Amino acid sequence: MATKKLRILSTNLQSVVLPANIQRGLGTIDALKLKPEVVLSEKNRKSCIDRFKLYKAMKKLEGDVSQAAVLIPFCIHRGELGLLYTLRSSKLNSNRGQVSFPGGMHDKTDRDLEETALRETWEELKIPKEKVDVWTRGNFIRGKRMNIMPVLGYIGEVDPGKLEINPDEVEEAFVVPLNTLCEPSLCRFTQFRDSYTLPTYLGGKHRIWGLTAAITHIAMSALLPEVYKHKPIYLKPVNLLKEKTSTSSTILTDQSH
């Protein structure tokens, strides 16, 4: 009898490990499809832009709500393509110590949300906008109190250890290779109690989850549709029996199968 274990990490989410028989494996990843000359080709760029614009997340917030933008910076680090992330400073009032993309709130001096993403990237990492080859902008993604515009851009070769980070906003910068983000054994998902699921990525320096993981999923699906096959699955919490209780977490077991 198969057993599915759900580990509750807080009052509002579950980190779920799928049984091996329903994990979607890629087999041996075709290294040729991950080479910079393939991913950065004009053909892939055009198709990536089309796919990125088609993706629609949860319905955006309506009315007079704040707007923000993030840059999804993909780059070459140590000879391979990856995504550049930041770890938010512990000095910040919100989401401190969490993995994010460079970005922030729209300012009235910004021409548009693309400029917001580029300005914030400069303020956080001192990457000038002239170095960013913006591929495209996506549809709004719904945050807790704002609508967020993702901007996809290539920033060339990067050594995250040599970036001039703003310590008031960023604790550190790091790159996760695209092949790591494609690896099935390092892809999980976080299932929230209000009935939606977001991807979770392991294998990098820090766990990537929440809204940043959702944006990562959009970018990877657009950049590498033939290689990236991670599909978050929603599991209905039916017939859950309490197995063990502690002050920090609860292990629940579904023995209905």
Protein backbone atom coordinates (compact mmCIF):
# COMPACT_ATOMS: atom_id res chain seq x y z
CA MET A 1 0.00 0.00 0.00
CA ALA A 2 1.55 3.27 -1.12
CA THR A 3 1.87 6.07 1.40
CA LYS A 4 1.95 9.79 0.64
CA LYS A 5 3.51 12.06 3.25
CA LEU A 6 2.71 15.74 3.53
CA ARG A 7 4.87 17.91 5.74
CA ILE A 8 3.19 21.07 7.05
CA LEU A 9 5.78 23.83 7.39
CA SER A 10 3.46 26.57 8.61
CA THR A 11 -0.20 27.31 9.11
CA ASN A 12 -0.83 28.09 5.46
CA LEU A 13 1.33 25.84 3.29
CA GLN A 14 2.47 22.27 2.77
CA SER A 15 5.78 21.17 1.28
CA VAL A 16 4.89 18.03 -0.62
CA VAL A 17 7.27 15.28 -1.78
CA LEU A 18 5.75 13.29 -4.62
CA PRO A 19 6.04 9.51 -4.65
CA ALA A 20 8.64 8.36 -7.15
CA ASN A 21 6.05 6.76 -9.41
CA ILE A 22 4.38 10.10 -10.22
CA GLN A 23 7.49 12.26 -10.45
CA ARG A 24 7.98 13.35 -14.04
CA GLY A 25 11.51 12.45 -15.02
CA LEU A 26 13.31 13.92 -18.03
CA GLY A 27 15.79 11.09 -18.40
CA THR A 28 19.15 12.30 -19.68
CA ILE A 29 18.95 16.02 -20.40
CA ASP A 30 20.12 16.82 -23.89
CA ALA A 31 23.14 19.03 -23.23
CA LEU A 32 22.99 20.46 -26.73
CA LYS A 33 19.65 22.16 -25.99
CA LEU A 34 21.15 23.90 -22.95
CA LYS A 35 24.17 25.34 -24.74
CA PRO A 36 24.29 29.16 -24.81
CA GLU A 37 24.42 29.29 -28.61
CA VAL A 38 21.15 27.34 -28.78
CA VAL A 39 19.24 29.13 -26.00
CA LEU A 40 20.45 32.55 -27.17
CA SER A 41 19.76 31.89 -30.85
CA GLU A 42 17.43 34.23 -32.72
CA LYS A 43 15.05 31.34 -33.37
CA ASN A 44 14.72 30.48 -29.68
CA ARG A 45 14.51 34.14 -28.73
CA LYS A 46 11.49 34.70 -30.97
CA SER A 47 9.65 31.60 -29.79
CA CYS A 48 10.53 32.37 -26.16
CA ILE A 49 9.03 35.85 -26.46
CA ASP A 50 5.82 34.42 -27.88
CA ARG A 51 5.52 31.82 -25.10
CA PHE A 52 6.38 34.31 -22.35
CA LYS A 53 3.64 36.71 -23.42
CA LEU A 54 1.04 33.96 -23.65
CA TYR A 55 1.45 32.82 -20.07
CA LYS A 56 -1.29 34.10 -17.77
CA ALA A 57 -1.05 33.61 -14.03
CA MET A 58 -3.79 34.24 -11.47
CA LYS A 59 -6.18 37.07 -12.28
CA LYS A 60 -4.53 40.37 -11.43
CA LEU A 61 -5.79 42.62 -8.66
CA GLU A 62 -8.28 45.20 -9.88
CA GLY A 63 -8.78 48.79 -8.81
CA ASP A 64 -6.27 51.27 -7.45
CA VAL A 65 -3.48 48.85 -6.49
CA SER A 66 0.28 49.27 -6.50
CA GLN A 67 2.40 48.07 -9.39
CA ALA A 68 5.87 46.60 -9.29
CA ALA A 69 8.31 44.95 -11.69
CA VAL A 70 11.12 42.41 -11.47
CA LEU A 71 13.91 41.57 -13.87
CA ILE A 72 14.49 37.88 -14.58
CA PRO A 73 18.21 38.11 -15.41
CA PHE A 74 19.59 35.12 -17.24
CA CYS A 75 23.32 35.04 -17.73
CA ILE A 76 26.43 32.98 -18.37
CA HIS A 77 28.33 31.91 -15.27
CA ARG A 78 31.27 29.50 -15.40
CA GLY A 79 30.51 28.71 -19.01
CA GLU A 80 26.86 27.77 -18.63
CA LEU A 81 23.55 29.60 -18.63
CA GLY A 82 21.74 30.30 -15.40
CA LEU A 83 19.34 32.65 -13.64
CA LEU A 84 20.65 35.34 -11.30
CA TYR A 85 18.88 35.61 -7.94
CA THR A 86 19.27 37.77 -4.87
CA LEU A 87 18.82 37.02 -1.19
CA ARG A 88 16.91 39.88 0.38
CA SER A 89 18.67 41.75 3.17
CA SER A 90 17.75 41.09 6.80
CA LYS A 91 17.48 44.88 7.14
CA LEU A 92 14.30 45.01 5.06
CA ASN A 93 10.86 45.22 6.64
CA SER A 94 9.24 42.59 4.42
CA ASN A 95 10.31 39.22 3.01
CA ARG A 96 13.72 39.54 4.62
CA GLY A 97 16.10 36.66 3.97
CA GLN A 98 14.03 35.34 1.06
CA VAL A 99 15.20 34.58 -2.47
CA SER A 100 14.00 37.05 -5.08
CA PHE A 101 14.73 38.62 -8.43
CA PRO A 102 15.94 42.24 -8.55
CA GLY A 103 12.97 44.57 -8.69
CA GLY A 104 10.62 46.76 -6.74
CA MET A 105 7.78 49.25 -6.74
CA HIS A 106 6.99 51.47 -9.70
CA ASP A 107 8.13 55.06 -9.20
CA LYS A 108 6.37 58.01 -10.77
CA THR A 109 9.67 59.00 -12.41
CA ASP A 110 9.84 55.65 -14.26
CA ARG A 111 8.76 55.78 -17.89
CA ASP A 112 7.16 52.34 -17.59
CA LEU A 113 7.47 49.09 -15.63
CA GLU A 114 10.36 47.88 -17.76
CA GLU A 115 12.28 50.94 -16.59
CA THR A 116 11.24 50.12 -13.01
CA ALA A 117 12.85 46.68 -13.28
CA LEU A 118 16.04 48.09 -14.80
CA ARG A 119 16.30 50.91 -12.26
CA GLU A 120 15.86 48.52 -9.34
CA THR A 121 18.46 46.16 -10.80
CA TRP A 122 20.93 49.03 -10.90
CA GLU A 123 20.10 50.08 -7.35
CA GLU A 124 20.43 46.55 -5.98
CA LEU A 125 23.31 45.09 -8.02
CA LYS A 126 24.86 47.99 -9.96
CA ILE A 127 24.12 46.26 -13.25
CA PRO A 128 23.60 49.14 -15.72
CA LYS A 129 20.56 49.06 -17.96
CA GLU A 130 22.86 49.26 -20.99
CA LYS A 131 24.10 45.77 -20.13
CA VAL A 132 20.60 44.27 -20.09
CA ASP A 133 19.30 42.90 -23.37
CA VAL A 134 15.57 42.98 -22.63
CA TRP A 135 13.81 40.18 -24.47
CA THR A 136 10.24 40.85 -23.42
CA ARG A 137 7.73 41.73 -20.73
CA GLY A 138 5.11 39.30 -19.50
CA ASN A 139 1.59 39.59 -18.14
CA PHE A 140 0.98 40.86 -14.64
CA ILE A 141 1.44 38.39 -11.81
CA ARG A 142 -0.73 38.82 -8.77
CA GLY A 143 1.08 39.48 -5.50
CA LYS A 144 -0.44 39.92 -2.05
CA ARG A 145 -1.13 43.64 -2.42
CA MET A 146 0.19 44.50 -5.87
CA ASN A 147 0.43 43.48 -9.50
CA ILE A 148 3.94 42.53 -10.62
CA MET A 149 5.31 42.75 -14.15
CA PRO A 150 8.06 40.20 -15.01
CA VAL A 151 10.72 41.41 -17.44
CA LEU A 152 13.00 38.84 -19.09
CA GLY A 153 16.51 40.01 -19.95
CA TYR A 154 19.94 38.62 -20.81
CA ILE A 155 22.87 40.23 -18.95
CA GLY A 156 25.86 38.39 -20.45
CA GLU A 157 28.66 36.87 -18.40
CA VAL A 158 28.36 37.44 -14.65
CA ASP A 159 30.40 36.62 -11.57
CA PRO A 160 27.90 37.10 -8.72
CA GLY A 161 30.72 37.34 -6.19
CA LYS A 162 32.03 40.46 -7.91
CA LEU A 163 28.73 42.32 -8.16
CA GLU A 164 28.50 45.54 -6.18
CA ILE A 165 25.46 44.66 -4.11
CA ASN A 166 23.52 47.19 -2.05
CA PRO A 167 23.73 45.80 1.52
CA ASP A 168 20.58 47.65 2.56
CA GLU A 169 18.56 45.63 0.06
CA VAL A 170 20.58 42.54 -0.83
CA GLU A 171 22.38 40.01 1.36
CA GLU A 172 24.00 38.20 -1.56
CA ALA A 173 23.63 37.39 -5.25
CA PHE A 174 23.93 33.90 -6.71
CA VAL A 175 23.35 32.03 -9.97
CA VAL A 176 21.43 28.77 -10.39
CA PRO A 177 22.32 26.93 -13.63
CA LEU A 178 19.46 26.20 -16.02
CA ASN A 179 20.34 22.50 -15.95
CA THR A 180 19.84 22.49 -12.17
CA LEU A 181 16.41 24.09 -12.56
CA CYS A 182 15.54 21.43 -15.16
CA GLU A 183 16.61 18.48 -13.01
CA PRO A 184 13.46 16.52 -12.00
CA SER A 185 14.92 15.30 -8.71
CA LEU A 186 15.44 18.92 -7.60
CA CYS A 187 11.95 20.14 -8.52
CA ARG A 188 9.23 20.03 -5.89
CA PHE A 189 6.13 22.09 -5.20
CA THR A 190 4.51 23.94 -2.33
CA GLN A 191 0.78 23.37 -1.91
CA PHE A 192 -1.12 26.14 -0.16
CA ARG A 193 -4.26 25.49 1.82
CA ASP A 194 -6.31 27.93 -0.23
CA SER A 195 -6.13 25.50 -3.15
CA TYR A 196 -3.21 26.51 -5.32
CA THR A 197 0.24 25.09 -5.93
CA LEU A 198 3.56 26.77 -6.69
CA PRO A 199 6.83 25.14 -7.74
CA THR A 200 9.80 24.82 -5.39
CA TYR A 201 13.41 24.44 -6.53
CA LEU A 202 16.22 22.77 -4.62
CA GLY A 203 19.85 22.25 -5.60
CA GLY A 204 20.94 25.87 -5.57
CA LYS A 205 22.54 27.76 -2.72
CA HIS A 206 19.11 28.59 -1.31
CA ARG A 207 15.65 27.07 -1.67
CA ILE A 208 13.53 28.93 -4.23
CA TRP A 209 9.81 28.99 -3.53
CA GLY A 210 6.77 31.27 -3.46
CA LEU A 211 6.31 34.04 -6.00
CA THR A 212 9.96 33.90 -7.11
CA ALA A 213 9.55 30.22 -7.93
CA ALA A 214 6.35 30.97 -9.86
CA ILE A 215 8.19 33.56 -11.96
CA THR A 216 11.08 31.11 -12.43
CA HIS A 217 8.60 28.54 -13.72
CA ILE A 218 7.22 31.00 -16.29
CA ALA A 219 10.72 31.91 -17.49
CA MET A 220 11.92 28.31 -17.73
CA SER A 221 8.77 27.20 -19.55
CA ALA A 222 9.35 29.93 -22.13
CA LEU A 223 13.12 29.52 -22.48
CA LEU A 224 13.38 25.72 -22.56
CA PRO A 225 10.03 24.10 -23.37
CA GLU A 226 11.66 20.94 -24.75
CA VAL A 227 13.91 20.42 -21.72
CA TYR A 228 12.05 21.91 -18.76
CA LYS A 229 9.13 19.61 -17.93
CA HIS A 230 8.32 20.43 -14.30
CA LYS A 231 4.54 20.45 -13.80
CA PRO A 232 3.26 21.29 -10.28
CA ILE A 233 0.45 18.93 -9.27
CA TYR A 234 -2.33 19.68 -6.80
CA LEU A 235 -3.08 16.83 -4.38
CA LYS A 236 -6.48 16.85 -2.70
CA PRO A 237 -6.01 16.39 1.08
CA VAL A 238 -8.57 13.55 1.36
CA ASN A 239 -8.75 11.19 4.36
CA LEU A 240 -5.76 12.67 6.09
CA LEU A 241 -4.93 10.91 9.34
CA LYS A 242 -2.74 12.52 11.96
CA GLU A 243 0.37 10.42 12.47
CA LYS A 244 2.65 12.59 14.54
CA THR A 245 2.36 16.03 16.11
CA SER A 246 5.04 18.41 17.35
CA THR A 247 5.26 22.11 18.11
CA SER A 248 7.07 22.87 14.85
CA SER A 249 5.53 20.53 12.29
CA THR A 250 3.02 17.77 11.67
CA ILE A 251 3.48 14.66 9.57
CA LEU A 252 0.25 13.62 7.86
CA THR A 253 -0.24 10.35 6.02
CA ASP A 254 -2.79 9.59 3.32
CA GLN A 255 -3.38 5.84 3.36
CA SER A 256 -6.32 5.85 0.98
CA HIS A 257 -4.24 4.26 -1.79
